[in-house]
C-alpha atoms as a PDB file:
ATOM      1  CA  UNK A   1     -54.195 -55.608 -94.413  1.00  0.00           C
ATOM      2  CA  UNK A   2     -51.478 -54.555 -91.975  1.00  0.00           C
ATOM      3  CA  UNK A   3     -53.896 -52.015 -90.538  1.00  0.00           C
ATOM      4  CA  UNK A   4     -56.420 -54.737 -89.600  1.00  0.00           C
ATOM      5  CA  UNK A   5     -53.802 -56.913 -87.927  1.00  0.00           C
ATOM      6  CA  UNK A   6     -52.512 -53.897 -86.000  1.00  0.00           C
ATOM      7  CA  UNK A   7     -56.046 -53.133 -84.781  1.00  0.00           C
ATOM      8  CA  UNK A   8     -56.532 -56.762 -83.715  1.00  0.00           C
ATOM      9  CA  UNK A   9     -53.204 -56.658 -81.853  1.00  0.00           C
ATOM     10  CA  UNK A  10     -54.147 -53.468 -79.990  1.00  0.00           C
ATOM     11  CA  UNK A  11     -57.549 -54.881 -79.070  1.00  0.00           C
ATOM     12  CA  UNK A  12     -56.004 -58.085 -77.749  1.00  0.00           C
ATOM     13  CA  UNK A  13     -53.924 -55.991 -75.337  1.00  0.00           C
ATOM     14  CA  UNK A  14     -56.964 -53.938 -74.339  1.00  0.00           C
ATOM     15  CA  UNK A  15     -58.815 -56.958 -72.990  1.00  0.00           C
ATOM     16  CA  UNK A  16     -56.315 -57.145 -70.123  1.00  0.00           C
ATOM     17  CA  UNK A  17     -57.430 -53.680 -69.040  1.00  0.00           C
ATOM     18  CA  UNK A  18     -61.139 -54.454 -68.936  1.00  0.00           C
ATOM     19  CA  UNK A  19     -63.006 -55.018 -65.699  1.00  0.00           C
ATOM     20  CA  UNK A  20     -66.437 -56.493 -65.210  1.00  0.00           C
ATOM     21  CA  UNK A  21     -69.196 -54.347 -63.779  1.00  0.00           C
ATOM     22  CA  UNK A  22     -68.799 -54.529 -59.970  1.00  0.00           C
ATOM     23  CA  UNK A  23     -67.238 -58.026 -60.317  1.00  0.00           C
ATOM     24  CA  UNK A  24     -70.783 -59.452 -60.223  1.00  0.00           C
ATOM     25  CA  UNK A  25     -72.125 -61.744 -62.941  1.00  0.00           C
ATOM     26  CA  UNK A  26     -74.118 -60.203 -65.749  1.00  0.00           C
ATOM     27  CA  UNK A  27     -76.935 -62.716 -66.059  1.00  0.00           C
ATOM     28  CA  UNK A  28     -78.405 -65.679 -64.229  1.00  0.00           C
ATOM     29  CA  UNK A  29     -76.917 -68.162 -66.711  1.00  0.00           C
ATOM     30  CA  UNK A  30     -73.421 -66.875 -65.959  1.00  0.00           C
ATOM     31  CA  UNK A  31     -74.053 -67.002 -62.210  1.00  0.00           C
ATOM     32  CA  UNK A  32     -75.538 -70.503 -62.460  1.00  0.00           C
ATOM     33  CA  UNK A  33     -72.475 -71.810 -64.294  1.00  0.00           C
ATOM     34  CA  UNK A  34     -70.025 -70.789 -61.594  1.00  0.00           C
ATOM     35  CA  UNK A  35     -69.407 -67.165 -62.614  1.00  0.00           C
ATOM     36  CA  UNK A  36     -67.886 -68.184 -65.935  1.00  0.00           C
ATOM     37  CA  UNK A  37     -69.016 -65.090 -67.848  1.00  0.00           C
ATOM     38  CA  UNK A  38     -70.970 -67.048 -70.463  1.00  0.00           C
ATOM     39  CA  UNK A  39     -73.914 -65.854 -72.531  1.00  0.00           C
ATOM     40  CA  UNK A  40     -76.277 -67.144 -75.180  1.00  0.00           C
ATOM     41  CA  UNK A  41     -74.745 -67.064 -78.647  1.00  0.00           C
ATOM     42  CA  UNK A  42     -76.260 -64.159 -80.585  1.00  0.00           C
ATOM     43  CA  UNK A  43     -78.546 -63.377 -77.670  1.00  0.00           C
ATOM     44  CA  UNK A  44     -79.139 -60.069 -75.962  1.00  0.00           C
ATOM     45  CA  UNK A  45     -76.831 -61.058 -73.102  1.00  0.00           C
ATOM     46  CA  UNK A  46     -73.897 -61.573 -75.480  1.00  0.00           C
ATOM     47  CA  UNK A  47     -73.336 -57.810 -75.821  1.00  0.00           C
ATOM     48  CA  UNK A  48     -71.931 -57.854 -72.279  1.00  0.00           C
ATOM     49  CA  UNK A  49     -69.347 -60.489 -73.210  1.00  0.00           C
ATOM     50  CA  UNK A  50     -68.371 -59.219 -76.687  1.00  0.00           C
ATOM     51  CA  UNK A  51     -70.133 -56.237 -78.323  1.00  0.00           C
ATOM     52  CA  UNK A  52     -69.491 -57.652 -81.818  1.00  0.00           C
ATOM     53  CA  UNK A  53     -71.384 -60.891 -81.156  1.00  0.00           C
ATOM     54  CA  UNK A  54     -74.802 -59.326 -81.762  1.00  0.00           C
ATOM     55  CA  UNK A  55     -74.290 -58.539 -85.473  1.00  0.00           C
ATOM     56  CA  UNK A  56     -75.536 -61.688 -87.132  1.00  0.00           C
ATOM     57  CA  UNK A  57     -78.767 -61.704 -85.153  1.00  0.00           C
ATOM     58  CA  UNK A  58     -81.523 -61.700 -87.793  1.00  0.00           C
ATOM     59  CA  UNK A  59     -84.591 -61.406 -85.588  1.00  0.00           C
ATOM     60  CA  UNK A  60     -85.498 -59.401 -82.512  1.00  0.00           C
ATOM     61  CA  UNK A  61     -84.172 -60.966 -79.315  1.00  0.00           C
ATOM     62  CA  UNK A  62     -84.932 -60.048 -75.727  1.00  0.00           C
ATOM     63  CA  UNK A  63     -83.395 -61.504 -72.566  1.00  0.00           C
ATOM     64  CA  UNK A  64     -84.814 -61.144 -69.065  1.00  0.00           C
ATOM     65  CA  UNK A  65     -82.815 -62.416 -66.121  1.00  0.00           C
ATOM     66  CA  UNK A  66     -82.865 -62.074 -62.354  1.00  0.00           C
ATOM     67  CA  UNK A  67     -80.954 -63.903 -59.667  1.00  0.00           C
ATOM     68  CA  UNK A  68     -80.228 -63.565 -55.983  1.00  0.00           C
ATOM     69  CA  UNK A  69     -76.623 -62.839 -55.161  1.00  0.00           C
ATOM     70  CA  UNK A  70     -74.919 -63.083 -51.790  1.00  0.00           C
ATOM     71  CA  UNK A  71     -76.424 -61.304 -48.776  1.00  0.00           C
ATOM     72  CA  UNK A  72     -79.893 -60.848 -50.350  1.00  0.00           C
ATOM     73  CA  UNK A  73     -78.633 -58.726 -53.237  1.00  0.00           C
ATOM     74  CA  UNK A  74     -80.822 -58.989 -56.326  1.00  0.00           C
ATOM     75  CA  UNK A  75     -79.343 -58.621 -59.802  1.00  0.00           C
ATOM     76  CA  UNK A  76     -81.733 -57.890 -62.674  1.00  0.00           C
ATOM     77  CA  UNK A  77     -80.903 -57.734 -66.362  1.00  0.00           C
ATOM     78  CA  UNK A  78     -83.009 -56.908 -69.396  1.00  0.00           C
ATOM     79  CA  UNK A  79     -81.517 -56.677 -72.860  1.00  0.00           C
ATOM     80  CA  UNK A  80     -82.838 -56.409 -76.403  1.00  0.00           C
ATOM     81  CA  UNK A  81     -81.101 -56.709 -79.781  1.00  0.00           C
ATOM     82  CA  UNK A  82     -82.574 -56.017 -83.211  1.00  0.00           C
ATOM     83  CA  UNK A  83     -80.758 -56.964 -86.399  1.00  0.00           C
ATOM     84  CA  UNK A  84     -81.161 -54.511 -89.283  1.00  0.00           C
ATOM     85  CA  UNK A  85     -80.333 -55.936 -92.746  1.00  0.00           C
ATOM     86  CA  UNK A  86     -77.337 -54.323 -94.508  1.00  0.00           C
ATOM     87  CA  UNK A  87     -76.764 -52.050 -91.500  1.00  0.00           C
ATOM     88  CA  UNK A  88     -75.843 -54.127 -88.476  1.00  0.00           C
ATOM     89  CA  UNK A  89     -77.547 -54.571 -85.149  1.00  0.00           C
ATOM     90  CA  UNK A  90     -78.650 -52.258 -82.365  1.00  0.00           C
ATOM     91  CA  UNK A  91     -78.950 -53.317 -78.757  1.00  0.00           C
ATOM     92  CA  UNK A  92     -80.050 -51.838 -75.465  1.00  0.00           C
ATOM     93  CA  UNK A  93     -79.528 -53.310 -71.997  1.00  0.00           C
ATOM     94  CA  UNK A  94     -80.266 -52.374 -68.402  1.00  0.00           C
ATOM     95  CA  UNK A  95     -78.591 -54.064 -65.448  1.00  0.00           C
ATOM     96  CA  UNK A  96     -79.358 -53.243 -61.836  1.00  0.00           C
ATOM     97  CA  UNK A  97     -78.265 -54.330 -58.374  1.00  0.00           C
ATOM     98  CA  UNK A  98     -80.246 -53.609 -55.252  1.00  0.00           C
ATOM     99  CA  UNK A  99     -80.726 -55.097 -51.778  1.00  0.00           C
ATOM    100  CA  UNK A 100     -83.975 -56.796 -50.838  1.00  0.00           C
ATOM    101  CA  UNK A 101     -83.541 -55.772 -47.207  1.00  0.00           C
ATOM    102  CA  UNK A 102     -82.214 -52.543 -45.742  1.00  0.00           C
ATOM    103  CA  UNK A 103     -78.765 -52.756 -44.225  1.00  0.00           C
ATOM    104  CA  UNK A 104     -78.799 -51.782 -40.569  1.00  0.00           C
ATOM    105  CA  UNK A 105     -75.788 -50.000 -39.125  1.00  0.00           C
ATOM    106  CA  UNK A 106     -74.268 -51.387 -35.945  1.00  0.00           C
ATOM    107  CA  UNK A 107     -71.528 -50.184 -33.634  1.00  0.00           C
ATOM    108  CA  UNK A 108     -68.395 -52.094 -32.702  1.00  0.00           C
ATOM    109  CA  UNK A 109     -70.358 -54.062 -30.058  1.00  0.00           C
ATOM    110  CA  UNK A 110     -72.871 -55.290 -32.644  1.00  0.00           C
ATOM    111  CA  UNK A 111     -75.711 -53.102 -31.354  1.00  0.00           C
ATOM    112  CA  UNK A 112     -78.135 -51.483 -33.785  1.00  0.00           C
ATOM    113  CA  UNK A 113     -77.621 -47.677 -33.776  1.00  0.00           C
ATOM    114  CA  UNK A 114     -80.815 -46.644 -35.565  1.00  0.00           C
ATOM    115  CA  UNK A 115     -79.488 -45.883 -39.041  1.00  0.00           C
ATOM    116  CA  UNK A 116     -80.058 -47.840 -42.207  1.00  0.00           C
ATOM    117  CA  UNK A 117     -78.076 -47.837 -45.426  1.00  0.00           C
ATOM    118  CA  UNK A 118     -79.612 -48.245 -48.842  1.00  0.00           C
ATOM    119  CA  UNK A 119     -77.588 -48.777 -51.974  1.00  0.00           C
ATOM    120  CA  UNK A 120     -78.261 -49.305 -55.637  1.00  0.00           C
ATOM    121  CA  UNK A 121     -76.312 -49.642 -58.815  1.00  0.00           C
ATOM    122  CA  UNK A 122     -77.413 -49.675 -62.414  1.00  0.00           C
ATOM    123  CA  UNK A 123     -75.933 -49.732 -65.867  1.00  0.00           C
ATOM    124  CA  UNK A 124     -77.480 -48.637 -69.170  1.00  0.00           C
ATOM    125  CA  UNK A 125     -75.755 -50.097 -72.221  1.00  0.00           C
ATOM    126  CA  UNK A 126     -76.240 -49.104 -75.875  1.00  0.00           C
ATOM    127  CA  UNK A 127     -74.750 -51.493 -78.439  1.00  0.00           C
ATOM    128  CA  UNK A 128     -74.000 -51.229 -82.162  1.00  0.00           C
ATOM    129  CA  UNK A 129     -72.329 -53.929 -84.232  1.00  0.00           C
ATOM    130  CA  UNK A 130     -71.640 -54.417 -87.934  1.00  0.00           C
ATOM    131  CA  UNK A 131     -69.646 -56.527 -90.382  1.00  0.00           C
ATOM    132  CA  UNK A 132     -66.277 -55.021 -91.278  1.00  0.00           C
ATOM    133  CA  UNK A 133     -64.812 -57.194 -94.030  1.00  0.00           C
ATOM    134  CA  UNK A 134     -64.634 -60.674 -95.495  1.00  0.00           C
ATOM    135  CA  UNK A 135     -61.386 -62.164 -94.234  1.00  0.00           C
ATOM    136  CA  UNK A 136     -59.913 -65.640 -94.903  1.00  0.00           C
ATOM    137  CA  UNK A 137     -63.254 -66.996 -96.165  1.00  0.00           C
ATOM    138  CA  UNK A 138     -65.022 -65.733 -93.067  1.00  0.00           C
ATOM    139  CA  UNK A 139     -66.438 -62.532 -91.687  1.00  0.00           C
ATOM    140  CA  UNK A 140     -64.869 -60.020 -89.332  1.00  0.00           C
ATOM    141  CA  UNK A 141     -67.368 -58.145 -87.151  1.00  0.00           C
ATOM    142  CA  UNK A 142     -66.875 -55.182 -84.853  1.00  0.00           C
ATOM    143  CA  UNK A 143     -69.081 -53.979 -82.042  1.00  0.00           C
ATOM    144  CA  UNK A 144     -69.225 -50.971 -79.762  1.00  0.00           C
ATOM    145  CA  UNK A 145     -70.847 -50.448 -76.369  1.00  0.00           C
ATOM    146  CA  UNK A 146     -71.492 -47.143 -74.643  1.00  0.00           C
ATOM    147  CA  UNK A 147     -72.355 -47.445 -70.965  1.00  0.00           C
ATOM    148  CA  UNK A 148     -73.733 -45.148 -68.307  1.00  0.00           C
ATOM    149  CA  UNK A 149     -73.154 -46.385 -64.757  1.00  0.00           C
ATOM    150  CA  UNK A 150     -74.690 -44.926 -61.609  1.00  0.00           C
ATOM    151  CA  UNK A 151     -74.162 -46.085 -58.048  1.00  0.00           C
ATOM    152  CA  UNK A 152     -75.640 -44.822 -54.833  1.00  0.00           C
ATOM    153  CA  UNK A 153     -74.524 -45.653 -51.318  1.00  0.00           C
ATOM    154  CA  UNK A 154     -76.272 -44.073 -48.373  1.00  0.00           C
ATOM    155  CA  UNK A 155     -76.204 -40.293 -49.101  1.00  0.00           C
ATOM    156  CA  UNK A 156     -73.647 -40.421 -51.892  1.00  0.00           C
ATOM    157  CA  UNK A 157     -74.161 -40.895 -55.629  1.00  0.00           C
ATOM    158  CA  UNK A 158     -71.503 -41.452 -58.262  1.00  0.00           C
ATOM    159  CA  UNK A 159     -71.787 -41.975 -61.984  1.00  0.00           C
ATOM    160  CA  UNK A 160     -69.553 -42.578 -64.950  1.00  0.00           C
ATOM    161  CA  UNK A 161     -69.350 -43.480 -68.605  1.00  0.00           C
ATOM    162  CA  UNK A 162     -67.547 -46.389 -70.246  1.00  0.00           C
ATOM    163  CA  UNK A 163     -67.006 -47.754 -73.744  1.00  0.00           C
ATOM    164  CA  UNK A 164     -66.188 -51.230 -75.048  1.00  0.00           C
ATOM    165  CA  UNK A 165     -64.913 -52.325 -78.448  1.00  0.00           C
ATOM    166  CA  UNK A 166     -65.163 -55.928 -79.585  1.00  0.00           C
ATOM    167  CA  UNK A 167     -63.951 -57.886 -82.611  1.00  0.00           C
ATOM    168  CA  UNK A 168     -65.350 -61.252 -83.696  1.00  0.00           C
ATOM    169  CA  UNK A 169     -64.255 -63.561 -86.509  1.00  0.00           C
ATOM    170  CA  UNK A 170     -66.787 -66.098 -87.809  1.00  0.00           C
ATOM    171  CA  UNK A 171     -65.774 -68.760 -90.307  1.00  0.00           C
ATOM    172  CA  UNK A 172     -68.156 -69.661 -93.129  1.00  0.00           C
ATOM    173  CA  UNK A 173     -66.849 -73.230 -93.372  1.00  0.00           C
ATOM    174  CA  UNK A 174     -66.478 -74.243 -89.750  1.00  0.00           C
ATOM    175  CA  UNK A 175     -69.932 -73.323 -88.490  1.00  0.00           C
ATOM    176  CA  UNK A 176     -69.219 -73.260 -84.756  1.00  0.00           C
ATOM    177  CA  UNK A 177     -65.833 -71.526 -84.969  1.00  0.00           C
ATOM    178  CA  UNK A 178     -66.027 -68.008 -83.562  1.00  0.00           C
ATOM    179  CA  UNK A 179     -62.965 -66.156 -82.309  1.00  0.00           C
ATOM    180  CA  UNK A 180     -63.522 -62.957 -80.364  1.00  0.00           C
ATOM    181  CA  UNK A 181     -61.502 -60.279 -78.642  1.00  0.00           C
END
């Protein structure tokens, strides 16, 4: 039991170290609610908020979202989660950012100098979540995300990998009580 509380303690510290992808909202619902970082409960967008929140999804769920950010930047998101009985849930998501117009380079006088900059950014996310144990008449879930991120700006391309770990406690008696880290 001490081991589980130690893991929960470590994960609560780890959330301070997390950073959102490019500091831009994940889905249109989050953007529409003032960049609050919300998602549908048990939906395909919830893997971006807490990887463990996809476990108790019984059916196949898909989320499509697109919104216009500042300066004609489009953000698209597609995610899918499939619950597998007695195994857990698997999810896959793709998020992309791209400009609708090309960015024209200007000099210090504001004159167009004939060059244009294109940029893009995308993220591929693979999610797995499962139930760990029954704890205090509720269930403790864990979830894991593996991410591949690629960004391109003008002639330069960079890429990286990231991982997320999430814990979620769901009470059997208080239906809407869910505590996540």
